[in-house]
Amino acid sequence: MKRLLVVVDMQKDFIDGSLGTAEAQKIVPNVAEKIEKYQAAGDEVVFTFDTHYENYMETQEGKRLPVPHCIKGTPGWELDKMLQKFSGKQFEKPAFGSKELAAWAADQEYSGIELVGLCTDICVISNALLLKAYLPETPVSVDSTCCAGVTPESHKNALEAMKMCQIDVH
């Protein structure tokens, strides 16, 4: 049975754009290597895209995080250049977690699901918990060397929270 790799929001704005961090920039090569391994093994890789529009500042998220980012059609919305060579199903998501991804994954059969990407403490944890809720008997894991949080401390806190929810962190 195949494994599934979920690459969460590895977009320019989260790496070296409006919400970029040095930690996010450091994980890009790790994520590329992880994708290559999955694809070489014949496993499936999917990508999520944080997706906002010109009205972002009027949304609840925009009012709480007033930094326009991942506006569809802008360079900041695009996958990091190092990752653009990879293909896979794409899920655009207007919120932290993708219900569409979780429902789709629930209709598939995987021996395990692994998540990598950004930000550990917002979208990675949200999608990991959704996947765990939709697929309670499928092992869900997160590779901590392929994730970065808003801050190093919030990254660590999110990893600990996921461990408590029976998501394997390595």
C-alpha atoms as a PDB file:
ATOM      1  CA  MET A   1       0.000   0.000   0.000  1.00  0.00           C
ATOM      2  CA  LYS A   2       1.231   3.504  -0.856  1.00  0.00           C
ATOM      3  CA  ARG A   3       2.184   6.230   1.556  1.00  0.00           C
ATOM      4  CA  LEU A   4       1.037   9.843   1.226  1.00  0.00           C
ATOM      5  CA  LEU A   5       3.240  12.898   1.661  1.00  0.00           C
ATOM      6  CA  VAL A   6       1.368  16.161   2.270  1.00  0.00           C
ATOM      7  CA  VAL A   7       3.499  19.223   1.476  1.00  0.00           C
ATOM      8  CA  VAL A   8       1.858  22.094   3.338  1.00  0.00           C
ATOM      9  CA  ASP A   9       2.062  25.667   2.043  1.00  0.00           C
ATOM     10  CA  MET A  10       5.669  25.712   0.787  1.00  0.00           C
ATOM     11  CA  GLN A  11       4.921  29.040  -0.870  1.00  0.00           C
ATOM     12  CA  LYS A  12       7.172  32.019  -1.459  1.00  0.00           C
ATOM     13  CA  ASP A  13       5.385  34.325   0.994  1.00  0.00           C
ATOM     14  CA  PHE A  14       6.032  31.865   3.849  1.00  0.00           C
ATOM     15  CA  ILE A  15       9.646  31.216   2.851  1.00  0.00           C
ATOM     16  CA  ASP A  16      11.228  34.503   1.779  1.00  0.00           C
ATOM     17  CA  GLY A  17       8.224  36.732   1.213  1.00  0.00           C
ATOM     18  CA  SER A  18       5.941  38.784   3.445  1.00  0.00           C
ATOM     19  CA  LEU A  19       5.860  36.155   6.240  1.00  0.00           C
ATOM     20  CA  GLY A  20       9.171  34.432   5.497  1.00  0.00           C
ATOM     21  CA  THR A  21      11.671  33.331   8.122  1.00  0.00           C
ATOM     22  CA  ALA A  22      15.241  32.060   8.161  1.00  0.00           C
ATOM     23  CA  GLU A  23      13.946  28.758   9.573  1.00  0.00           C
ATOM     24  CA  ALA A  24      11.544  28.354   6.643  1.00  0.00           C
ATOM     25  CA  GLN A  25      14.335  29.010   4.149  1.00  0.00           C
ATOM     26  CA  LYS A  26      16.506  26.343   5.799  1.00  0.00           C
ATOM     27  CA  ILE A  27      13.958  23.523   5.365  1.00  0.00           C
ATOM     28  CA  VAL A  28      13.403  23.901   1.597  1.00  0.00           C
ATOM     29  CA  PRO A  29      16.240  21.506   0.601  1.00  0.00           C
ATOM     30  CA  ASN A  30      15.004  18.945   3.175  1.00  0.00           C
ATOM     31  CA  VAL A  31      11.484  19.131   1.750  1.00  0.00           C
ATOM     32  CA  ALA A  32      12.787  18.712  -1.822  1.00  0.00           C
ATOM     33  CA  GLU A  33      14.767  15.633  -0.762  1.00  0.00           C
ATOM     34  CA  LYS A  34      11.726  14.180   1.030  1.00  0.00           C
ATOM     35  CA  ILE A  35       9.532  14.658  -2.078  1.00  0.00           C
ATOM     36  CA  GLU A  36      12.175  12.996  -4.261  1.00  0.00           C
ATOM     37  CA  LYS A  37      12.280   9.964  -1.948  1.00  0.00           C
ATOM     38  CA  TYR A  38       8.504   9.582  -1.935  1.00  0.00           C
ATOM     39  CA  GLN A  39       8.214   9.894  -5.704  1.00  0.00           C
ATOM     40  CA  ALA A  40      11.138   7.510  -6.303  1.00  0.00           C
ATOM     41  CA  ALA A  41       9.376   4.926  -4.120  1.00  0.00           C
ATOM     42  CA  GLY A  42       6.142   5.300  -6.114  1.00  0.00           C
ATOM     43  CA  ASP A  43       4.320   6.944  -3.221  1.00  0.00           C
ATOM     44  CA  GLU A  44       1.912   9.854  -3.616  1.00  0.00           C
ATOM     45  CA  VAL A  45       2.706  13.531  -2.995  1.00  0.00           C
ATOM     46  CA  VAL A  46       0.112  16.284  -2.692  1.00  0.00           C
ATOM     47  CA  PHE A  47       0.502  20.012  -2.083  1.00  0.00           C
ATOM     48  CA  THR A  48      -1.624  22.499  -0.187  1.00  0.00           C
ATOM     49  CA  PHE A  49      -1.669  26.175  -1.108  1.00  0.00           C
ATOM     50  CA  ASP A  50      -2.710  28.861   1.339  1.00  0.00           C
ATOM     51  CA  THR A  51      -5.001  30.848  -0.935  1.00  0.00           C
ATOM     52  CA  HIS A  52      -6.301  34.334  -0.335  1.00  0.00           C
ATOM     53  CA  TYR A  53      -7.735  37.064  -2.547  1.00  0.00           C
ATOM     54  CA  GLU A  54      -7.625  40.845  -2.798  1.00  0.00           C
ATOM     55  CA  ASN A  55     -10.209  41.111   0.019  1.00  0.00           C
ATOM     56  CA  TYR A  56      -7.862  39.372   2.489  1.00  0.00           C
ATOM     57  CA  MET A  57      -7.732  42.340   4.880  1.00  0.00           C
ATOM     58  CA  GLU A  58     -11.545  42.184   5.201  1.00  0.00           C
ATOM     59  CA  THR A  59     -11.530  38.525   6.274  1.00  0.00           C
ATOM     60  CA  GLN A  60     -11.373  37.314   9.882  1.00  0.00           C
ATOM     61  CA  GLU A  61      -7.824  36.074   9.315  1.00  0.00           C
ATOM     62  CA  GLY A  62      -6.815  39.377   7.723  1.00  0.00           C
ATOM     63  CA  LYS A  63      -8.117  41.300  10.720  1.00  0.00           C
ATOM     64  CA  ARG A  64      -6.108  39.096  13.099  1.00  0.00           C
ATOM     65  CA  LEU A  65      -2.996  38.799  10.907  1.00  0.00           C
ATOM     66  CA  PRO A  66      -2.911  42.059   8.934  1.00  0.00           C
ATOM     67  CA  VAL A  67      -0.149  41.017   6.540  1.00  0.00           C
ATOM     68  CA  PRO A  68      -1.398  40.299   3.016  1.00  0.00           C
ATOM     69  CA  HIS A  69       0.093  37.003   1.848  1.00  0.00           C
ATOM     70  CA  CYS A  70      -0.491  34.165  -0.587  1.00  0.00           C
ATOM     71  CA  ILE A  71      -2.814  36.251  -2.742  1.00  0.00           C
ATOM     72  CA  LYS A  72      -3.730  33.997  -5.656  1.00  0.00           C
ATOM     73  CA  GLY A  73      -2.037  35.074  -8.857  1.00  0.00           C
ATOM     74  CA  THR A  74       0.870  36.825  -7.142  1.00  0.00           C
ATOM     75  CA  PRO A  75       4.456  35.516  -6.953  1.00  0.00           C
ATOM     76  CA  GLY A  76       4.027  35.049  -3.186  1.00  0.00           C
ATOM     77  CA  TRP A  77       1.267  32.473  -3.772  1.00  0.00           C
ATOM     78  CA  GLU A  78       3.534  30.275  -5.904  1.00  0.00           C
ATOM     79  CA  LEU A  79       5.364  27.176  -4.745  1.00  0.00           C
ATOM     80  CA  ASP A  80       9.020  27.781  -3.890  1.00  0.00           C
ATOM     81  CA  LYS A  81      11.213  27.658  -7.014  1.00  0.00           C
ATOM     82  CA  MET A  82      13.155  24.618  -5.753  1.00  0.00           C
ATOM     83  CA  LEU A  83       9.877  22.671  -5.491  1.00  0.00           C
ATOM     84  CA  GLN A  84       8.197  23.731  -8.728  1.00  0.00           C
ATOM     85  CA  LYS A  85       9.705  20.778 -10.617  1.00  0.00           C
ATOM     86  CA  PHE A  86       7.577  18.351  -8.596  1.00  0.00           C
ATOM     87  CA  SER A  87       4.062  17.391  -9.537  1.00  0.00           C
ATOM     88  CA  GLY A  88       1.147  16.221  -7.458  1.00  0.00           C
ATOM     89  CA  LYS A  89      -2.477  16.903  -6.679  1.00  0.00           C
ATOM     90  CA  GLN A  90      -3.018  20.426  -5.358  1.00  0.00           C
ATOM     91  CA  PHE A  91      -5.442  21.661  -2.744  1.00  0.00           C
ATOM     92  CA  GLU A  92      -6.111  25.385  -2.461  1.00  0.00           C
ATOM     93  CA  LYS A  93      -7.276  26.282   1.014  1.00  0.00           C
ATOM     94  CA  PRO A  94      -8.735  29.560   2.289  1.00  0.00           C
ATOM     95  CA  ALA A  95      -8.262  28.474   5.918  1.00  0.00           C
ATOM     96  CA  PHE A  96      -5.543  26.822   7.980  1.00  0.00           C
ATOM     97  CA  GLY A  97      -6.792  23.281   7.409  1.00  0.00           C
ATOM     98  CA  SER A  98      -8.114  21.729   4.218  1.00  0.00           C
ATOM     99  CA  LYS A  99     -11.362  19.811   4.676  1.00  0.00           C
ATOM    100  CA  GLU A 100     -11.109  18.942   0.978  1.00  0.00           C
ATOM    101  CA  LEU A 101      -7.720  17.277   1.501  1.00  0.00           C
ATOM    102  CA  ALA A 102      -8.935  15.303   4.524  1.00  0.00           C
ATOM    103  CA  ALA A 103     -12.102  14.117   2.763  1.00  0.00           C
ATOM    104  CA  TRP A 104     -10.116  13.154  -0.349  1.00  0.00           C
ATOM    105  CA  ALA A 105      -7.524  11.247   1.717  1.00  0.00           C
ATOM    106  CA  ALA A 106     -10.311   9.397   3.541  1.00  0.00           C
ATOM    107  CA  ASP A 107     -11.445   7.981   0.184  1.00  0.00           C
ATOM    108  CA  GLN A 108      -7.949   6.607  -0.552  1.00  0.00           C
ATOM    109  CA  GLU A 109      -5.993   3.811   1.072  1.00  0.00           C
ATOM    110  CA  TYR A 110      -2.586   4.683   2.489  1.00  0.00           C
ATOM    111  CA  SER A 111      -0.316   2.792   4.846  1.00  0.00           C
ATOM    112  CA  GLY A 112       0.623   6.127   6.399  1.00  0.00           C
ATOM    113  CA  ILE A 113       0.430   9.885   5.908  1.00  0.00           C
ATOM    114  CA  GLU A 114       3.364  12.212   6.539  1.00  0.00           C
ATOM    115  CA  LEU A 115       3.227  16.009   6.628  1.00  0.00           C
ATOM    116  CA  VAL A 116       5.981  18.534   5.963  1.00  0.00           C
ATOM    117  CA  GLY A 117       5.900  22.286   5.393  1.00  0.00           C
ATOM    118  CA  LEU A 118       4.821  25.590   6.866  1.00  0.00           C
ATOM    119  CA  CYS A 119       3.896  26.737   9.372  1.00  0.00           C
ATOM    120  CA  THR A 120       4.202  23.949  11.945  1.00  0.00           C
ATOM    121  CA  ASP A 121       2.145  25.850  14.495  1.00  0.00           C
ATOM    122  CA  ILE A 122      -0.688  26.894  12.200  1.00  0.00           C
ATOM    123  CA  CYS A 123      -1.323  24.996   8.968  1.00  0.00           C
ATOM    124  CA  VAL A 124       0.747  21.846   9.542  1.00  0.00           C
ATOM    125  CA  ILE A 125      -0.899  21.117  12.886  1.00  0.00           C
ATOM    126  CA  SER A 126      -4.359  22.010  11.524  1.00  0.00           C
ATOM    127  CA  ASN A 127      -4.020  19.602   8.600  1.00  0.00           C
ATOM    128  CA  ALA A 128      -2.445  16.852  10.728  1.00  0.00           C
ATOM    129  CA  LEU A 129      -5.366  16.992  13.159  1.00  0.00           C
ATOM    130  CA  LEU A 130      -7.924  17.017  10.348  1.00  0.00           C
ATOM    131  CA  LEU A 131      -6.282  14.003   8.720  1.00  0.00           C
ATOM    132  CA  LYS A 132      -6.183  12.191  12.070  1.00  0.00           C
ATOM    133  CA  ALA A 133      -9.888  12.949  12.575  1.00  0.00           C
ATOM    134  CA  TYR A 134     -10.857  11.711   9.106  1.00  0.00           C
ATOM    135  CA  LEU A 135      -8.521   8.677   9.214  1.00  0.00           C
ATOM    136  CA  PRO A 136      -8.216   7.645  12.878  1.00  0.00           C
ATOM    137  CA  GLU A 137      -6.642   4.257  12.078  1.00  0.00           C
ATOM    138  CA  THR A 138      -4.086   5.539   9.556  1.00  0.00           C
ATOM    139  CA  PRO A 139      -0.719   6.473  11.071  1.00  0.00           C
ATOM    140  CA  VAL A 140      -0.101  10.215  10.682  1.00  0.00           C
ATOM    141  CA  SER A 141       3.381  11.650  11.154  1.00  0.00           C
ATOM    142  CA  VAL A 142       5.290  14.908  10.834  1.00  0.00           C
ATOM    143  CA  ASP A 143       8.962  15.285   9.921  1.00  0.00           C
ATOM    144  CA  SER A 144      10.191  18.057  12.217  1.00  0.00           C
ATOM    145  CA  THR A 145      13.279  18.648  10.025  1.00  0.00           C
ATOM    146  CA  CYS A 146      10.995  19.543   7.129  1.00  0.00           C
ATOM    147  CA  CYS A 147       8.821  22.015   9.057  1.00  0.00           C
ATOM    148  CA  ALA A 148       9.238  25.487  10.505  1.00  0.00           C
ATOM    149  CA  GLY A 149       6.973  27.552  12.690  1.00  0.00           C
ATOM    150  CA  VAL A 150       6.282  31.226  13.059  1.00  0.00           C
ATOM    151  CA  THR A 151       8.961  31.122  15.768  1.00  0.00           C
ATOM    152  CA  PRO A 152      11.270  28.301  16.894  1.00  0.00           C
ATOM    153  CA  GLU A 153       9.362  28.152  20.195  1.00  0.00           C
ATOM    154  CA  SER A 154       5.924  27.889  18.569  1.00  0.00           C
ATOM    155  CA  HIS A 155       7.334  25.189  16.232  1.00  0.00           C
ATOM    156  CA  LYS A 156       8.397  23.112  19.266  1.00  0.00           C
ATOM    157  CA  ASN A 157       5.067  23.705  21.027  1.00  0.00           C
ATOM    158  CA  ALA A 158       3.135  22.521  17.965  1.00  0.00           C
ATOM    159  CA  LEU A 159       5.251  19.376  17.703  1.00  0.00           C
ATOM    160  CA  GLU A 160       4.533  18.586  21.364  1.00  0.00           C
ATOM    161  CA  ALA A 161       0.799  19.204  20.873  1.00  0.00           C
ATOM    162  CA  MET A 162       0.740  16.851  17.871  1.00  0.00           C
ATOM    163  CA  LYS A 163       2.505  14.143  19.907  1.00  0.00           C
ATOM    164  CA  MET A 164      -0.276  14.396  22.496  1.00  0.00           C
ATOM    165  CA  CYS A 165      -2.814  13.779  19.701  1.00  0.00           C
ATOM    166  CA  GLN A 166      -1.022  10.557  18.640  1.00  0.00           C
ATOM    167  CA  ILE A 167       0.667  12.089  15.625  1.00  0.00           C
ATOM    168  CA  ASP A 168       4.168  10.681  15.324  1.00  0.00           C
ATOM    169  CA  VAL A 169       6.865  13.350  15.243  1.00  0.00           C
ATOM    170  CA  HIS A 170      10.354  12.516  14.059  1.00  0.00           C
END
